[in-house]
Amino acid sequence: MNICNKPSNKTAPENLGEADPKVQRARRNGWSWPLHPFQITTWLLYLFFALVGFGILVPLLPLHWLPAGYIVSFGVCFIYHLVVHLTAVSIDPADAKVREKNYLGPLATFNRNQHAHVIENHHCHVCDVNV
């Protein structure tokens, strides 16, 4: 117990006669739906910084510095970051053996009564593969 008289464990409450939770599907990469709120926030911030950089900061530079501002500082950095961001979103971070499995089925649920950890002895109990 903590000072607010709440249990200190971080597990989800039991499902006591409520509707079944929504079935989760495996995600292949960052393009798989539904998007996480952090992904949406990241794209909005990227757009915001691009608009502020190209629309406000660079035009405020002296006239002879404008080409350098558009090309070097913001242009190269903006394009480089976009390529790296798109690459990171598109890559499947799963282990090679997990990638071989079928993604179409629902994710297995992890039962803590049977296993102490998700991965034990190099075997993932959620994916049911050796990693």
C-alpha atoms as a PDB file:
ATOM      1  CA  MET A   1       0.000   0.000   0.000  1.00  0.00           C
ATOM      2  CA  ASN A   2       1.097   3.532  -0.616  1.00  0.00           C
ATOM      3  CA  ILE A   3       0.021   6.734   1.107  1.00  0.00           C
ATOM      4  CA  CYS A   4      -3.200   6.868  -0.934  1.00  0.00           C
ATOM      5  CA  ASN A   5      -4.206   3.350   0.204  1.00  0.00           C
ATOM      6  CA  LYS A   6      -3.925   1.989  -3.303  1.00  0.00           C
ATOM      7  CA  PRO A   7      -2.232  -1.314  -4.042  1.00  0.00           C
ATOM      8  CA  SER A   8       1.298  -0.957  -5.336  1.00  0.00           C
ATOM      9  CA  ASN A   9       0.956  -3.522  -8.135  1.00  0.00           C
ATOM     10  CA  LYS A  10       0.619  -2.283 -11.676  1.00  0.00           C
ATOM     11  CA  THR A  11      -1.506  -5.087 -13.110  1.00  0.00           C
ATOM     12  CA  ALA A  12      -4.871  -4.578 -14.756  1.00  0.00           C
ATOM     13  CA  PRO A  13      -8.000  -5.348 -12.741  1.00  0.00           C
ATOM     14  CA  GLU A  14      -9.802  -8.621 -13.309  1.00  0.00           C
ATOM     15  CA  ASN A  15     -12.633  -8.788 -15.788  1.00  0.00           C
ATOM     16  CA  LEU A  16     -15.632  -9.224 -13.497  1.00  0.00           C
ATOM     17  CA  GLY A  17     -18.560 -10.075 -15.750  1.00  0.00           C
ATOM     18  CA  GLU A  18     -17.825  -7.251 -18.159  1.00  0.00           C
ATOM     19  CA  ALA A  19     -17.760  -7.489 -21.925  1.00  0.00           C
ATOM     20  CA  ASP A  20     -14.759  -9.204 -23.476  1.00  0.00           C
ATOM     21  CA  PRO A  21     -11.862  -6.825 -24.098  1.00  0.00           C
ATOM     22  CA  LYS A  22     -11.067  -5.877 -27.671  1.00  0.00           C
ATOM     23  CA  VAL A  23      -8.874  -8.464 -29.374  1.00  0.00           C
ATOM     24  CA  GLN A  24      -5.401  -7.122 -30.105  1.00  0.00           C
ATOM     25  CA  ARG A  25      -3.719  -7.934 -33.382  1.00  0.00           C
ATOM     26  CA  ALA A  26       0.005  -8.090 -33.994  1.00  0.00           C
ATOM     27  CA  ARG A  27       1.555  -5.024 -35.571  1.00  0.00           C
ATOM     28  CA  ARG A  28       4.135  -5.385 -38.313  1.00  0.00           C
ATOM     29  CA  ASN A  29       5.541  -1.845 -38.164  1.00  0.00           C
ATOM     30  CA  GLY A  30       4.592   1.740 -37.412  1.00  0.00           C
ATOM     31  CA  TRP A  31       2.120   1.858 -40.310  1.00  0.00           C
ATOM     32  CA  SER A  32      -0.126  -0.808 -38.751  1.00  0.00           C
ATOM     33  CA  TRP A  33      -3.433   0.496 -37.471  1.00  0.00           C
ATOM     34  CA  PRO A  34      -4.475   1.671 -34.938  1.00  0.00           C
ATOM     35  CA  LEU A  35      -1.823   4.330 -34.544  1.00  0.00           C
ATOM     36  CA  HIS A  36      -0.479   4.993 -31.080  1.00  0.00           C
ATOM     37  CA  PRO A  37      -1.136   8.520 -29.733  1.00  0.00           C
ATOM     38  CA  PHE A  38       2.638   9.110 -29.589  1.00  0.00           C
ATOM     39  CA  GLN A  39       2.858   8.426 -33.328  1.00  0.00           C
ATOM     40  CA  ILE A  40       0.156  10.993 -34.051  1.00  0.00           C
ATOM     41  CA  THR A  41       1.875  13.474 -31.735  1.00  0.00           C
ATOM     42  CA  THR A  42       5.203  12.880 -33.474  1.00  0.00           C
ATOM     43  CA  TRP A  43       3.809  13.531 -36.957  1.00  0.00           C
ATOM     44  CA  LEU A  44       1.995  16.666 -35.771  1.00  0.00           C
ATOM     45  CA  LEU A  45       5.149  17.989 -34.080  1.00  0.00           C
ATOM     46  CA  TYR A  46       7.199  17.224 -37.192  1.00  0.00           C
ATOM     47  CA  LEU A  47       4.728  19.201 -39.297  1.00  0.00           C
ATOM     48  CA  PHE A  48       4.691  22.022 -36.725  1.00  0.00           C
ATOM     49  CA  PHE A  49       8.487  22.327 -36.640  1.00  0.00           C
ATOM     50  CA  ALA A  50       8.659  22.246 -40.437  1.00  0.00           C
ATOM     51  CA  LEU A  51       6.116  25.064 -40.693  1.00  0.00           C
ATOM     52  CA  VAL A  52       7.840  27.114 -37.997  1.00  0.00           C
ATOM     53  CA  GLY A  53      11.304  26.513 -39.444  1.00  0.00           C
ATOM     54  CA  PHE A  54      10.510  27.134 -43.103  1.00  0.00           C
ATOM     55  CA  GLY A  55       7.691  29.621 -42.584  1.00  0.00           C
ATOM     56  CA  ILE A  56       8.914  31.779 -39.691  1.00  0.00           C
ATOM     57  CA  LEU A  57      12.556  31.261 -38.720  1.00  0.00           C
ATOM     58  CA  VAL A  58      14.249  31.089 -42.120  1.00  0.00           C
ATOM     59  CA  PRO A  59      12.360  34.091 -43.588  1.00  0.00           C
ATOM     60  CA  LEU A  60      13.572  36.163 -40.612  1.00  0.00           C
ATOM     61  CA  LEU A  61      17.210  35.630 -41.625  1.00  0.00           C
ATOM     62  CA  PRO A  62      19.032  38.417 -43.469  1.00  0.00           C
ATOM     63  CA  LEU A  63      18.497  38.306 -47.229  1.00  0.00           C
ATOM     64  CA  HIS A  64      21.975  37.010 -48.043  1.00  0.00           C
ATOM     65  CA  TRP A  65      21.526  34.116 -45.536  1.00  0.00           C
ATOM     66  CA  LEU A  66      18.173  32.895 -46.905  1.00  0.00           C
ATOM     67  CA  PRO A  67      19.603  30.322 -49.348  1.00  0.00           C
ATOM     68  CA  ALA A  68      21.826  28.871 -46.639  1.00  0.00           C
ATOM     69  CA  GLY A  69      18.894  28.771 -44.236  1.00  0.00           C
ATOM     70  CA  TYR A  70      16.628  26.961 -46.670  1.00  0.00           C
ATOM     71  CA  ILE A  71      19.225  24.591 -48.100  1.00  0.00           C
ATOM     72  CA  VAL A  72      21.748  23.786 -45.415  1.00  0.00           C
ATOM     73  CA  SER A  73      20.258  24.203 -41.989  1.00  0.00           C
ATOM     74  CA  PHE A  74      16.616  23.308 -42.474  1.00  0.00           C
ATOM     75  CA  GLY A  75      16.563  21.646 -45.884  1.00  0.00           C
ATOM     76  CA  VAL A  76      19.236  19.022 -45.306  1.00  0.00           C
ATOM     77  CA  CYS A  77      18.283  18.423 -41.674  1.00  0.00           C
ATOM     78  CA  PHE A  78      14.580  18.253 -42.510  1.00  0.00           C
ATOM     79  CA  ILE A  79      15.033  15.767 -45.371  1.00  0.00           C
ATOM     80  CA  TYR A  80      17.529  13.661 -43.398  1.00  0.00           C
ATOM     81  CA  HIS A  81      15.183  13.473 -40.412  1.00  0.00           C
ATOM     82  CA  LEU A  82      12.238  12.614 -42.669  1.00  0.00           C
ATOM     83  CA  VAL A  83      14.166   9.734 -44.289  1.00  0.00           C
ATOM     84  CA  VAL A  84      15.314   8.382 -40.925  1.00  0.00           C
ATOM     85  CA  HIS A  85      11.809   8.735 -39.464  1.00  0.00           C
ATOM     86  CA  LEU A  86      10.161   6.943 -42.405  1.00  0.00           C
ATOM     87  CA  THR A  87      12.777   4.187 -42.220  1.00  0.00           C
ATOM     88  CA  ALA A  88      12.227   3.703 -38.492  1.00  0.00           C
ATOM     89  CA  VAL A  89       8.452   3.585 -38.926  1.00  0.00           C
ATOM     90  CA  SER A  90       8.671   1.107 -41.808  1.00  0.00           C
ATOM     91  CA  ILE A  91      11.042  -1.432 -40.228  1.00  0.00           C
ATOM     92  CA  ASP A  92       9.595  -4.481 -38.482  1.00  0.00           C
ATOM     93  CA  PRO A  93      11.434  -4.612 -35.118  1.00  0.00           C
ATOM     94  CA  ALA A  94      10.400  -8.204 -34.382  1.00  0.00           C
ATOM     95  CA  ASP A  95      12.802 -11.100 -34.126  1.00  0.00           C
ATOM     96  CA  ALA A  96      13.306 -13.075 -37.341  1.00  0.00           C
ATOM     97  CA  LYS A  97      11.475 -16.114 -35.957  1.00  0.00           C
ATOM     98  CA  VAL A  98       8.545 -13.973 -34.867  1.00  0.00           C
ATOM     99  CA  ARG A  99       8.344 -12.475 -38.369  1.00  0.00           C
ATOM    100  CA  GLU A 100       7.910 -15.960 -39.829  1.00  0.00           C
ATOM    101  CA  LYS A 101       4.678 -16.472 -37.896  1.00  0.00           C
ATOM    102  CA  ASN A 102       1.245 -15.537 -39.190  1.00  0.00           C
ATOM    103  CA  TYR A 103       0.251 -11.992 -38.229  1.00  0.00           C
ATOM    104  CA  LEU A 104      -3.428 -12.437 -39.052  1.00  0.00           C
ATOM    105  CA  GLY A 105      -4.507 -14.143 -35.835  1.00  0.00           C
ATOM    106  CA  PRO A 106      -5.140 -12.380 -32.526  1.00  0.00           C
ATOM    107  CA  LEU A 107      -2.357 -11.987 -29.996  1.00  0.00           C
ATOM    108  CA  ALA A 108      -2.201 -14.625 -27.315  1.00  0.00           C
ATOM    109  CA  THR A 109      -2.937 -13.525 -23.779  1.00  0.00           C
ATOM    110  CA  PHE A 110      -0.219 -13.975 -21.174  1.00  0.00           C
ATOM    111  CA  ASN A 111      -1.200 -15.887 -18.050  1.00  0.00           C
ATOM    112  CA  ARG A 112       0.971 -14.993 -15.051  1.00  0.00           C
ATOM    113  CA  ASN A 113      -0.300 -18.049 -13.183  1.00  0.00           C
ATOM    114  CA  GLN A 114       1.525 -20.315 -15.656  1.00  0.00           C
ATOM    115  CA  HIS A 115       4.721 -18.311 -16.264  1.00  0.00           C
ATOM    116  CA  ALA A 116       6.587 -15.696 -14.257  1.00  0.00           C
ATOM    117  CA  HIS A 117       7.892 -13.808 -17.312  1.00  0.00           C
ATOM    118  CA  VAL A 118       6.861 -13.404 -20.930  1.00  0.00           C
ATOM    119  CA  ILE A 119      10.239 -14.705 -22.119  1.00  0.00           C
ATOM    120  CA  GLU A 120      11.742 -17.609 -20.184  1.00  0.00           C
ATOM    121  CA  ASN A 121      14.695 -19.706 -21.383  1.00  0.00           C
ATOM    122  CA  HIS A 122      14.709 -17.877 -24.735  1.00  0.00           C
ATOM    123  CA  HIS A 123      11.066 -18.813 -25.405  1.00  0.00           C
ATOM    124  CA  CYS A 124       8.377 -16.141 -25.814  1.00  0.00           C
ATOM    125  CA  HIS A 125       5.092 -17.390 -24.374  1.00  0.00           C
ATOM    126  CA  VAL A 126       3.023 -14.732 -26.160  1.00  0.00           C
ATOM    127  CA  CYS A 127       4.492 -15.351 -29.627  1.00  0.00           C
ATOM    128  CA  ASP A 128       5.126 -19.063 -28.929  1.00  0.00           C
ATOM    129  CA  VAL A 129       8.551 -18.999 -30.610  1.00  0.00           C
ATOM    130  CA  ASN A 130      12.145 -19.380 -29.467  1.00  0.00           C
ATOM    131  CA  VAL A 131      13.953 -16.056 -29.591  1.00  0.00           C
END
